[in-house]
Amino acid sequence: MRVLVISDTHLGAATVDRMPPHVWGMAEAADAVVHAGDVCEAAVLDELRQRAPVHAVLGNNDHALRGHLPQVLQVELEGVRIGVVHDAGLSSGRAARMARRFPEADVVVFGHSHAPLVERLGDGPLLVNPGSPTQRRRQPVHTVAWLDLADGDAPAATIVEVGALAR
C-alpha cells in the first residue's frame, strides 16, 4: 500500500490552486492520504478525498475545522499501526516522547515545523514529517512524503520534493 503523507498545506477554497499540481497526481496514485494538520479549510480535504481516502488531524491553524477533525488519530493501514498528531514538540527527546504517546504505533506522522524528517531511533516507531508542499519556511524546497506499507514488512518512508523549486 502506498500512502501520501502531507502536512501544513495552509490552503483554503480560494487558494487551493496553489497546491503544486504534482501533489494532486500523487494523491491520485495513492491508496490513501494522511494529512498531519494545518489544512486550514475543508476544501483541501475535499480535493484530496476525490482522489483517495483521507485520514487527517487538526492543526493549530485549523480554526474552521474544529469539531470536524480529531487532534490525535490512530489508524491501521495494511496491518501497520499509524499515529498522527500535528505538533510533536521539540526535536530533543521527540522519538521517546512519540513512542510513549503512541505505544502501539509502527509509524508516527506529524507536521507543524515544515521540516521534513524520516527517522527511526532504536526499536521505536518510524517518525515521518512530510514538510510542506506550499510553505517551505527555512527549508530549501517544498516536500511531501510517500509511506510504503506491507503487512509483515517494516514501513518505509521517502521525502519527495514537489513544486517549482524541486530539483
Foldseek 3Di string as FASTA:
>chain_A
DKEWEAEQQQDEPVRLVLQFPVVLVVLLVGQEYEYQENPQYCVNVVSSVVRYHYAYAYDPNNPVCVVPHHQWDWDADQNFIEIGHADQDDPVCSQVSVCVVCVPHQEYEYEDVLDFDFDDDDNTHTYTYFRHSRDNDPHQAGWIKMWDDHNPDRIDMDIAGGDDRGD
